[in-house]
PDB file of N, CA and C in Angstrom:
ATOM      1  N   MET A   1      -2.455  73.537  80.272  1.00  0.00           N
ATOM      2  CA  MET A   1      -2.721  74.938  80.025  1.00  0.00           C
ATOM      3  C   MET A   1      -1.865  75.812  80.947  1.00  0.00           C
ATOM      4  N   LEU A   2      -1.761  75.409  82.210  1.00  0.00           N
ATOM      5  CA  LEU A   2      -0.949  76.164  83.162  1.00  0.00           C
ATOM      6  C   LEU A   2       0.522  76.120  82.757  1.00  0.00           C
ATOM      7  N   LYS A   3       0.976  74.957  82.271  1.00  0.00           N
ATOM      8  CA  LYS A   3       2.370  74.821  81.836  1.00  0.00           C
ATOM      9  C   LYS A   3       2.660  75.757  80.664  1.00  0.00           C
ATOM     10  N   GLN A   4       1.726  75.834  79.722  1.00  0.00           N
ATOM     11  CA  GLN A   4       1.918  76.713  78.571  1.00  0.00           C
ATOM     12  C   GLN A   4       1.982  78.168  79.005  1.00  0.00           C
ATOM     13  N   SER A   5       1.119  78.539  79.947  1.00  0.00           N
ATOM     14  CA  SER A   5       1.092  79.907  80.443  1.00  0.00           C
ATOM     15  C   SER A   5       2.388  80.234  81.174  1.00  0.00           C
ATOM     16  N   LEU A   6       2.830  79.290  81.992  1.00  0.00           N
ATOM     17  CA  LEU A   6       4.075  79.482  82.741  1.00  0.00           C
ATOM     18  C   LEU A   6       5.268  79.554  81.796  1.00  0.00           C
ATOM     19  N   LEU A   7       5.291  78.660  80.822  1.00  0.00           N
ATOM     20  CA  LEU A   7       6.368  78.647  79.842  1.00  0.00           C
ATOM     21  C   LEU A   7       6.385  79.945  79.032  1.00  0.00           C
ATOM     22  N   GLY A   8       5.209  80.424  78.657  1.00  0.00           N
ATOM     23  CA  GLY A   8       5.111  81.684  77.922  1.00  0.00           C
ATOM     24  C   GLY A   8       5.622  82.851  78.750  1.00  0.00           C
ATOM     25  N   GLY A   9       5.309  82.855  80.053  1.00  0.00           N
ATOM     26  CA  GLY A   9       5.790  83.911  80.953  1.00  0.00           C
ATOM     27  C   GLY A   9       7.294  83.888  81.093  1.00  0.00           C
ATOM     28  N   VAL A  10       7.856  82.687  81.230  1.00  0.00           N
ATOM     29  CA  VAL A  10       9.313  82.553  81.348  1.00  0.00           C
ATOM     30  C   VAL A  10       9.983  83.013  80.057  1.00  0.00           C
ATOM     31  N   LEU A  11       9.432  82.625  78.937  1.00  0.00           N
ATOM     32  CA  LEU A  11       9.987  83.031  77.646  1.00  0.00           C
ATOM     33  C   LEU A  11       9.951  84.545  77.487  1.00  0.00           C
ATOM     34  N   ALA A  12       8.859  85.157  77.878  1.00  0.00           N
ATOM     35  CA  ALA A  12       8.742  86.617  77.796  1.00  0.00           C
ATOM     36  C   ALA A  12       9.778  87.294  78.688  1.00  0.00           C
ATOM     37  N   LEU A  13       9.998  86.731  79.877  1.00  0.00           N
ATOM     38  CA  LEU A  13      10.992  87.277  80.802  1.00  0.00           C
ATOM     39  C   LEU A  13      12.398  87.173  80.226  1.00  0.00           C
ATOM     40  N   VAL A  14      12.703  86.025  79.635  1.00  0.00           N
ATOM     41  CA  VAL A  14      14.030  85.832  79.029  1.00  0.00           C
ATOM     42  C   VAL A  14      14.239  86.818  77.887  1.00  0.00           C
ATOM     43  N   LEU A  15      13.246  86.980  77.048  1.00  0.00           N
ATOM     44  CA  LEU A  15      13.364  87.910  75.926  1.00  0.00           C
ATOM     45  C   LEU A  15      13.489  89.353  76.399  1.00  0.00           C
ATOM     46  N   ALA A  16      12.744  89.719  77.439  1.00  0.00           N
ATOM     47  CA  ALA A  16      12.825  91.075  77.977  1.00  0.00           C
ATOM     48  C   ALA A  16      14.190  91.328  78.584  1.00  0.00           C
ATOM     49  N   THR A  17      14.738  90.328  79.274  1.00  0.00           N
ATOM     50  CA  THR A  17      16.061  90.458  79.881  1.00  0.00           C
ATOM     51  C   THR A  17      17.124  90.613  78.804  1.00  0.00           C
ATOM     52  N   ALA A  18      17.017  89.840  77.753  1.00  0.00           N
ATOM     53  CA  ALA A  18      17.982  89.919  76.657  1.00  0.00           C
ATOM     54  C   ALA A  18      17.910  91.266  75.950  1.00  0.00           C
ATOM     55  N   ALA A  19      16.714  91.824  75.862  1.00  0.00           N
ATOM     56  CA  ALA A  19      16.537  93.106  75.177  1.00  0.00           C
ATOM     57  C   ALA A  19      17.143  94.254  75.979  1.00  0.00           C
ATOM     58  N   HIS A  20      17.220  94.118  77.293  1.00  0.00           N
ATOM     59  CA  HIS A  20      17.759  95.172  78.151  1.00  0.00           C
ATOM     60  C   HIS A  20      19.108  94.745  78.707  1.00  0.00           C
ATOM     61  N   ALA A  21      20.080  94.582  77.860  1.00  0.00           N
ATOM     62  CA  ALA A  21      21.413  94.201  78.308  1.00  0.00           C
ATOM     63  C   ALA A  21      21.970  95.310  79.170  1.00  0.00           C
ATOM     64  N   GLY A  22      22.575  94.927  80.259  1.00  0.00           N
ATOM     65  CA  GLY A  22      23.148  95.900  81.178  1.00  0.00           C
ATOM     66  C   GLY A  22      24.441  96.462  80.643  1.00  0.00           C
ATOM     67  N   PRO A  23      24.996  97.433  81.343  1.00  0.00           N
ATOM     68  CA  PRO A  23      26.232  98.068  80.894  1.00  0.00           C
ATOM     69  C   PRO A  23      27.391  97.076  80.764  1.00  0.00           C
ATOM     70  N   GLN A  24      27.456  96.090  81.676  1.00  0.00           N
ATOM     71  CA  GLN A  24      28.557  95.125  81.607  1.00  0.00           C
ATOM     72  C   GLN A  24      28.440  94.267  80.350  1.00  0.00           C
ATOM     73  N   GLN A  25      27.207  93.864  80.010  1.00  0.00           N
ATOM     74  CA  GLN A  25      27.013  93.070  78.796  1.00  0.00           C
ATOM     75  C   GLN A  25      27.345  93.886  77.545  1.00  0.00           C
ATOM     76  N   GLU A  26      26.967  95.162  77.573  1.00  0.00           N
ATOM     77  CA  GLU A  26      27.264  96.034  76.440  1.00  0.00           C
ATOM     78  C   GLU A  26      28.773  96.233  76.296  1.00  0.00           C
ATOM     79  N   LYS A  27      29.447  96.379  77.432  1.00  0.00           N
ATOM     80  CA  LYS A  27      30.899  96.554  77.409  1.00  0.00           C
ATOM     81  C   LYS A  27      31.567  95.289  76.874  1.00  0.00           C
ATOM     82  N   MET A  28      31.078  94.117  77.333  1.00  0.00           N
ATOM     83  CA  MET A  28      31.623  92.839  76.870  1.00  0.00           C
ATOM     84  C   MET A  28      31.455  92.706  75.365  1.00  0.00           C
ATOM     85  N   ALA A  29      30.276  93.073  74.864  1.00  0.00           N
ATOM     86  CA  ALA A  29      30.023  92.982  73.422  1.00  0.00           C
ATOM     87  C   ALA A  29      30.943  93.912  72.643  1.00  0.00           C
ATOM     88  N   ALA A  30      31.137  95.133  73.151  1.00  0.00           N
ATOM     89  CA  ALA A  30      32.007  96.094  72.462  1.00  0.00           C
ATOM     90  C   ALA A  30      33.455  95.615  72.455  1.00  0.00           C
ATOM     91  N   CYS A  31      33.932  95.116  73.604  1.00  0.00           N
ATOM     92  CA  CYS A  31      35.312  94.616  73.678  1.00  0.00           C
ATOM     93  C   CYS A  31      35.489  93.415  72.761  1.00  0.00           C
ATOM     94  N   ASN A  32      34.494  92.521  72.750  1.00  0.00           N
ATOM     95  CA  ASN A  32      34.550  91.337  71.912  1.00  0.00           C
ATOM     96  C   ASN A  32      34.603  91.723  70.437  1.00  0.00           C
ATOM     97  N   LYS A  33      33.806  92.724  70.071  1.00  0.00           N
ATOM     98  CA  LYS A  33      33.792  93.201  68.681  1.00  0.00           C
ATOM     99  C   LYS A  33      35.158  93.788  68.306  1.00  0.00           C
ATOM    100  N   ASP A  34      35.731  94.595  69.214  1.00  0.00           N
ATOM    101  CA  ASP A  34      37.048  95.191  68.954  1.00  0.00           C
ATOM    102  C   ASP A  34      38.124  94.118  68.808  1.00  0.00           C
ATOM    103  N   ALA A  35      38.060  93.100  69.662  1.00  0.00           N
ATOM    104  CA  ALA A  35      39.038  92.008  69.574  1.00  0.00           C
ATOM    105  C   ALA A  35      38.892  91.265  68.251  1.00  0.00           C
ATOM    106  N   GLY A  36      37.660  91.091  67.790  1.00  0.00           N
ATOM    107  CA  GLY A  36      37.417  90.439  66.502  1.00  0.00           C
ATOM    108  C   GLY A  36      37.905  91.277  65.342  1.00  0.00           C
ATOM    109  N   THR A  37      37.690  92.592  65.426  1.00  0.00           N
ATOM    110  CA  THR A  37      38.144  93.506  64.378  1.00  0.00           C
ATOM    111  C   THR A  37      39.670  93.462  64.232  1.00  0.00           C
ATOM    112  N   GLN A  38      40.338  93.301  65.379  1.00  0.00           N
ATOM    113  CA  GLN A  38      41.802  93.254  65.381  1.00  0.00           C
ATOM    114  C   GLN A  38      42.335  91.842  65.118  1.00  0.00           C
ATOM    115  N   SER A  39      41.434  90.894  64.902  1.00  0.00           N
ATOM    116  CA  SER A  39      41.785  89.492  64.651  1.00  0.00           C
ATOM    117  C   SER A  39      42.680  88.909  65.737  1.00  0.00           C
ATOM    118  N   LEU A  40      42.390  89.243  66.991  1.00  0.00           N
ATOM    119  CA  LEU A  40      43.192  88.742  68.102  1.00  0.00           C
ATOM    120  C   LEU A  40      42.791  87.313  68.445  1.00  0.00           C
ATOM    121  N   LYS A  41      43.775  86.507  68.788  1.00  0.00           N
ATOM    122  CA  LYS A  41      43.533  85.109  69.132  1.00  0.00           C
ATOM    123  C   LYS A  41      44.380  84.738  70.350  1.00  0.00           C
ATOM    124  N   GLY A  42      43.963  83.700  71.046  1.00  0.00           N
ATOM    125  CA  GLY A  42      44.736  83.128  72.144  1.00  0.00           C
ATOM    126  C   GLY A  42      45.041  84.103  73.271  1.00  0.00           C
ATOM    127  N   ASP A  43      46.300  84.093  73.717  1.00  0.00           N
ATOM    128  CA  ASP A  43      46.724  84.927  74.841  1.00  0.00           C
ATOM    129  C   ASP A  43      46.589  86.418  74.545  1.00  0.00           C
ATOM    130  N   ALA A  44      46.832  86.809  73.299  1.00  0.00           N
ATOM    131  CA  ALA A  44      46.702  88.226  72.942  1.00  0.00           C
ATOM    132  C   ALA A  44      45.248  88.675  73.109  1.00  0.00           C
ATOM    133  N   ARG A  45      44.301  87.821  72.730  1.00  0.00           N
ATOM    134  CA  ARG A  45      42.880  88.147  72.880  1.00  0.00           C
ATOM    135  C   ARG A  45      42.501  88.220  74.362  1.00  0.00           C
ATOM    136  N   LYS A  46      42.996  87.255  75.148  1.00  0.00           N
ATOM    137  CA  LYS A  46      42.701  87.250  76.584  1.00  0.00           C
ATOM    138  C   LYS A  46      43.216  88.522  77.251  1.00  0.00           C
ATOM    139  N   ALA A  47      44.445  88.904  76.915  1.00  0.00           N
ATOM    140  CA  ALA A  47      45.033  90.112  77.498  1.00  0.00           C
ATOM    141  C   ALA A  47      44.248  91.352  77.078  1.00  0.00           C
ATOM    142  N   PHE A  48      43.882  91.424  75.807  1.00  0.00           N
ATOM    143  CA  PHE A  48      43.108  92.564  75.315  1.00  0.00           C
ATOM    144  C   PHE A  48      41.761  92.647  76.021  1.00  0.00           C
ATOM    145  N   MET A  49      41.067  91.524  76.121  1.00  0.00           N
ATOM    146  CA  MET A  49      39.745  91.504  76.750  1.00  0.00           C
ATOM    147  C   MET A  49      39.835  91.920  78.216  1.00  0.00           C
ATOM    148  N   SER A  50      40.856  91.442  78.894  1.00  0.00           N
ATOM    149  CA  SER A  50      41.031  91.796  80.309  1.00  0.00           C
ATOM    150  C   SER A  50      41.216  93.298  80.471  1.00  0.00           C
ATOM    151  N   THR A  51      42.092  93.874  79.678  1.00  0.00           N
ATOM    152  CA  THR A  51      42.351  95.312  79.742  1.00  0.00           C
ATOM    153  C   THR A  51      41.115  96.104  79.334  1.00  0.00           C
ATOM    154  N   CYS A  52      40.469  95.673  78.279  1.00  0.00           N
ATOM    155  CA  CYS A  52      39.285  96.375  77.768  1.00  0.00           C
ATOM    156  C   CYS A  52      38.156  96.373  78.794  1.00  0.00           C
ATOM    157  N   LEU A  53      37.916  95.241  79.430  1.00  0.00           N
ATOM    158  CA  LEU A  53      36.812  95.144  80.387  1.00  0.00           C
ATOM    159  C   LEU A  53      37.091  95.909  81.678  1.00  0.00           C
ATOM    160  N   LYS A  54      38.360  96.096  82.005  1.00  0.00           N
ATOM    161  CA  LYS A  54      38.713  96.847  83.214  1.00  0.00           C
ATOM    162  C   LYS A  54      38.672  98.352  82.985  1.00  0.00           C
ATOM    163  N   ALA A  55      38.789  98.768  81.743  1.00  0.00           N
ATOM    164  CA  ALA A  55      38.821 100.198  81.405  1.00  0.00           C
ATOM    165  C   ALA A  55      37.460 100.844  81.659  1.00  0.00           C
ATOM    166  N   ALA A  56      37.502 102.107  82.069  1.00  0.00           N
ATOM    167  CA  ALA A  56      36.263 102.868  82.269  1.00  0.00           C
ATOM    168  C   ALA A  56      35.668 103.163  80.902  1.00  0.00           C
ATOM    169  N   PRO A  57      34.350 103.167  80.782  1.00  0.00           N
ATOM    170  CA  PRO A  57      33.745 103.500  79.494  1.00  0.00           C
ATOM    171  C   PRO A  57      34.095 104.927  79.082  1.00  0.00           C
ATOM    172  N   ALA A  58      34.297 105.133  77.811  1.00  0.00           N
ATOM    173  CA  ALA A  58      34.694 106.450  77.319  1.00  0.00           C
ATOM    174  C   ALA A  58      33.627 107.502  77.571  1.00  0.00           C
ATOM    175  N   SER A  59      32.363 107.083  77.560  1.00  0.00           N
ATOM    176  CA  SER A  59      31.277 108.045  77.725  1.00  0.00           C
ATOM    177  C   SER A  59      31.049 108.439  79.179  1.00  0.00           C
ATOM    178  N   ALA A  60      31.547 107.626  80.112  1.00  0.00           N
ATOM    179  CA  ALA A  60      31.322 107.914  81.533  1.00  0.00           C
ATOM    180  C   ALA A  60      32.591 108.480  82.156  1.00  0.00           C
ATOM    181  N   PRO A  61      32.464 109.508  82.986  1.00  0.00           N
ATOM    182  CA  PRO A  61      33.652 110.036  83.644  1.00  0.00           C
ATOM    183  C   PRO A  61      34.176 109.018  84.648  1.00  0.00           C
ATOM    184  N   ALA A  62      35.481 109.023  84.850  1.00  0.00           N
ATOM    185  CA  ALA A  62      36.070 108.103  85.813  1.00  0.00           C
ATOM    186  C   ALA A  62      35.532 108.431  87.199  1.00  0.00           C
ATOM    187  N   ALA A  63      35.228 107.409  87.946  1.00  0.00           N
ATOM    188  CA  ALA A  63      34.691 107.613  89.297  1.00  0.00           C
ATOM    189  C   ALA A  63      35.783 108.172  90.197  1.00  0.00           C
ATOM    190  N   MET A  64      35.411 109.133  91.006  1.00  0.00           N
ATOM    191  CA  MET A  64      36.355 109.749  91.924  1.00  0.00           C
ATOM    192  C   MET A  64      36.498 108.836  93.143  1.00  0.00           C
ATOM    193  N   THR A  65      37.726 108.537  93.540  1.00  0.00           N
ATOM    194  CA  THR A  65      37.937 107.705  94.718  1.00  0.00           C
ATOM    195  C   THR A  65      37.590 108.505  95.965  1.00  0.00           C
ATOM    196  N   GLN A  66      37.390 107.815  97.076  1.00  0.00           N
ATOM    197  CA  GLN A  66      37.068 108.484  98.327  1.00  0.00           C
ATOM    198  C   GLN A  66      38.211 109.420  98.726  1.00  0.00           C
ATOM    199  N   GLN A  67      39.436 108.989  98.491  1.00  0.00           N
ATOM    200  CA  GLN A  67      40.598 109.817  98.831  1.00  0.00           C
ATOM    201  C   GLN A  67      40.621 111.090  97.985  1.00  0.00           C
ATOM    202  N   ASP A  68      40.340 110.956  96.686  1.00  0.00           N
ATOM    203  CA  ASP A  68      40.294 112.131  95.809  1.00  0.00           C
ATOM    204  C   ASP A  68      39.175 113.080  96.232  1.00  0.00           C
ATOM    205  N   LYS A  69      38.035 112.484  96.603  1.00  0.00           N
ATOM    206  CA  LYS A  69      36.905 113.289  97.047  1.00  0.00           C
ATOM    207  C   LYS A  69      37.266 114.062  98.315  1.00  0.00           C
ATOM    208  N   MET A  70      37.960 113.395  99.255  1.00  0.00           N
ATOM    209  CA  MET A  70      38.370 114.043 100.507  1.00  0.00           C
ATOM    210  C   MET A  70      39.326 115.201 100.211  1.00  0.00           C
ATOM    211  N   LYS A  71      40.272 114.988  99.309  1.00  0.00           N
ATOM    212  CA  LYS A  71      41.214 116.054  98.943  1.00  0.00           C
ATOM    213  C   LYS A  71      40.473 117.257  98.354  1.00  0.00           C
ATOM    214  N   GLN A  72      39.539 116.984  97.433  1.00  0.00           N
ATOM    215  CA  GLN A  72      38.798 118.067  96.785  1.00  0.00           C
ATOM    216  C   GLN A  72      37.930 118.808  97.793  1.00  0.00           C
ATOM    217  N   CYS A  73      37.254 118.076  98.675  1.00  0.00           N
ATOM    218  CA  CYS A  73      36.395 118.717  99.676  1.00  0.00           C
ATOM    219  C   CYS A  73      37.226 119.554 100.644  1.00  0.00           C
ATOM    220  N   ASN A  74      38.397 119.044 101.059  1.00  0.00           N
ATOM    221  CA  ASN A  74      39.287 119.812 101.942  1.00  0.00           C
ATOM    222  C   ASN A  74      39.722 121.109 101.266  1.00  0.00           C
ATOM    223  N   LYS A  75      40.049 121.005  99.997  1.00  0.00           N
ATOM    224  CA  LYS A  75      40.460 122.187  99.237  1.00  0.00           C
ATOM    225  C   LYS A  75      39.313 123.198  99.163  1.00  0.00           C
ATOM    226  N   ASP A  76      38.107 122.697  98.901  1.00  0.00           N
ATOM    227  CA  ASP A  76      36.939 123.572  98.789  1.00  0.00           C
ATOM    228  C   ASP A  76      36.518 124.166 100.136  1.00  0.00           C
ATOM    229  N   ALA A  77      36.931 123.513 101.235  1.00  0.00           N
ATOM    230  CA  ALA A  77      36.535 123.974 102.571  1.00  0.00           C
ATOM    231  C   ALA A  77      37.494 125.010 103.145  1.00  0.00           C
ATOM    232  N   THR A  78      38.478 125.411 102.375  1.00  0.00           N
ATOM    233  CA  THR A  78      39.450 126.402 102.843  1.00  0.00           C
ATOM    234  C   THR A  78      38.720 127.654 103.326  1.00  0.00           C
ATOM    235  N   GLY A  79      39.083 128.088 104.545  1.00  0.00           N
ATOM    236  CA  GLY A  79      38.483 129.286 105.115  1.00  0.00           C
ATOM    237  C   GLY A  79      37.297 129.005 106.022  1.00  0.00           C
ATOM    238  N   LYS A  80      36.755 127.792 105.965  1.00  0.00           N
ATOM    239  CA  LYS A  80      35.633 127.441 106.830  1.00  0.00           C
ATOM    240  C   LYS A  80      36.182 126.850 108.133  1.00  0.00           C
ATOM    241  N   LYS A  81      35.492 127.113 109.247  1.00  0.00           N
ATOM    242  CA  LYS A  81      35.956 126.613 110.541  1.00  0.00           C
ATOM    243  C   LYS A  81      34.786 126.060 111.344  1.00  0.00           C
ATOM    244  N   GLY A  82      35.111 125.205 112.305  1.00  0.00           N
ATOM    245  CA  GLY A  82      34.137 124.698 113.261  1.00  0.00           C
ATOM    246  C   GLY A  82      32.959 123.982 112.622  1.00  0.00           C
ATOM    247  N   ASP A  83      31.766 124.316 113.122  1.00  0.00           N
ATOM    248  CA  ASP A  83      30.544 123.661 112.665  1.00  0.00           C
ATOM    249  C   ASP A  83      30.271 123.892 111.182  1.00  0.00           C
ATOM    250  N   GLU A  84      30.632 125.073 110.696  1.00  0.00           N
ATOM    251  CA  GLU A  84      30.432 125.365 109.273  1.00  0.00           C
ATOM    252  C   GLU A  84      31.246 124.395 108.422  1.00  0.00           C
ATOM    253  N   ARG A  85      32.506 124.160 108.828  1.00  0.00           N
ATOM    254  CA  ARG A  85      33.384 123.243 108.085  1.00  0.00           C
ATOM    255  C   ARG A  85      32.846 121.816 108.162  1.00  0.00           C
ATOM    256  N   LYS A  86      32.424 121.386 109.363  1.00  0.00           N
ATOM    257  CA  LYS A  86      31.899 120.036 109.536  1.00  0.00           C
ATOM    258  C   LYS A  86      30.684 119.805 108.641  1.00  0.00           C
ATOM    259  N   ALA A  87      29.775 120.770 108.643  1.00  0.00           N
ATOM    260  CA  ALA A  87      28.569 120.656 107.825  1.00  0.00           C
ATOM    261  C   ALA A  87      28.927 120.611 106.338  1.00  0.00           C
ATOM    262  N   PHE A  88      29.860 121.478 105.932  1.00  0.00           N
ATOM    263  CA  PHE A  88      30.274 121.516 104.536  1.00  0.00           C
ATOM    264  C   PHE A  88      30.911 120.183 104.129  1.00  0.00           C
ATOM    265  N   MET A  89      31.840 119.682 104.949  1.00  0.00           N
ATOM    266  CA  MET A  89      32.546 118.443 104.631  1.00  0.00           C
ATOM    267  C   MET A  89      31.558 117.274 104.554  1.00  0.00           C
ATOM    268  N   SER A  90      30.623 117.220 105.462  1.00  0.00           N
ATOM    269  CA  SER A  90      29.633 116.146 105.455  1.00  0.00           C
ATOM    270  C   SER A  90      28.840 116.173 104.152  1.00  0.00           C
ATOM    271  N   SER A  91      28.374 117.347 103.781  1.00  0.00           N
ATOM    272  CA  SER A  91      27.593 117.498 102.567  1.00  0.00           C
ATOM    273  C   SER A  91      28.438 117.166 101.332  1.00  0.00           C
ATOM    274  N   CYS A  92      29.651 117.681 101.306  1.00  0.00           N
ATOM    275  CA  CYS A  92      30.542 117.487 100.155  1.00  0.00           C
ATOM    276  C   CYS A  92      30.877 116.008  99.963  1.00  0.00           C
ATOM    277  N   LEU A  93      31.165 115.301 101.037  1.00  0.00           N
ATOM    278  CA  LEU A  93      31.570 113.900 100.916  1.00  0.00           C
ATOM    279  C   LEU A  93      30.408 112.983 100.543  1.00  0.00           C
ATOM    280  N   LYS A  94      29.178 113.419 100.764  1.00  0.00           N
ATOM    281  CA  LYS A  94      28.018 112.605 100.395  1.00  0.00           C
ATOM    282  C   LYS A  94      27.680 112.710  98.930  1.00  0.00           C
ATOM    283  N   LYS A  95      28.195 113.701  98.236  1.00  0.00           N
ATOM    284  CA  LYS A  95      27.884 113.917  96.818  1.00  0.00           C
ATOM    285  C   LYS A  95      28.497 112.821  95.979  1.00  0.00           C
TER     286      LYS A  95
END
């Protein structure tokens, strides 16, 4: 009886996990579908999948690098000095 209960719990967990595919799994499925639509095989498929999986999702904005963030915050801090600038930069870089 305990084995059946445990097995049922594990099965429920597996099904719940499968139902909530993460963004990486969704991206993999989309890239795989696109590669299939284009009838890609072998090295061409591998190259396509690699490029597709590395690409940022179209719906999400590209993440700003720390360097880009620093440039933008410096630009926005123009005219601020001393403690005001330090406080602004700290707040800006944490966003």
